[in-house]
Amino acid sequence: MLSNEDIQKLIDVFATKDDLREAVKNLSTKEDFNKLLAAVDSYAKRADTYFQEMVMLSHKVDRHEKWIQQLADKLGIKLNY
């Protein structure tokens, strides 16, 4: 036969129905996961667009530098970087 002390030890170790109900209430739902996934996807799309714009801007700057160098050569100006 179990003593009151043994029963109390079991209660302390095992989860009660109330403990399980509380744990289930705090679980993330599929809707929560879908919202998070949508947010990450939105951020990834914006980041991708940003990086593409930076690549285009870099090419534009390179093109301008080339034109400036060509103008300087034709005008006999030495450019110091």
Foldseek 3Di string as FASTA:
>chain_A
DDDPVRVVVVPVVDDDPVNVVVVVVPDDDPVNVVVVVVVVVVVVVVVVVVVVVVVVVVVVVVVVVVVVVVVCVVVVHDDDD
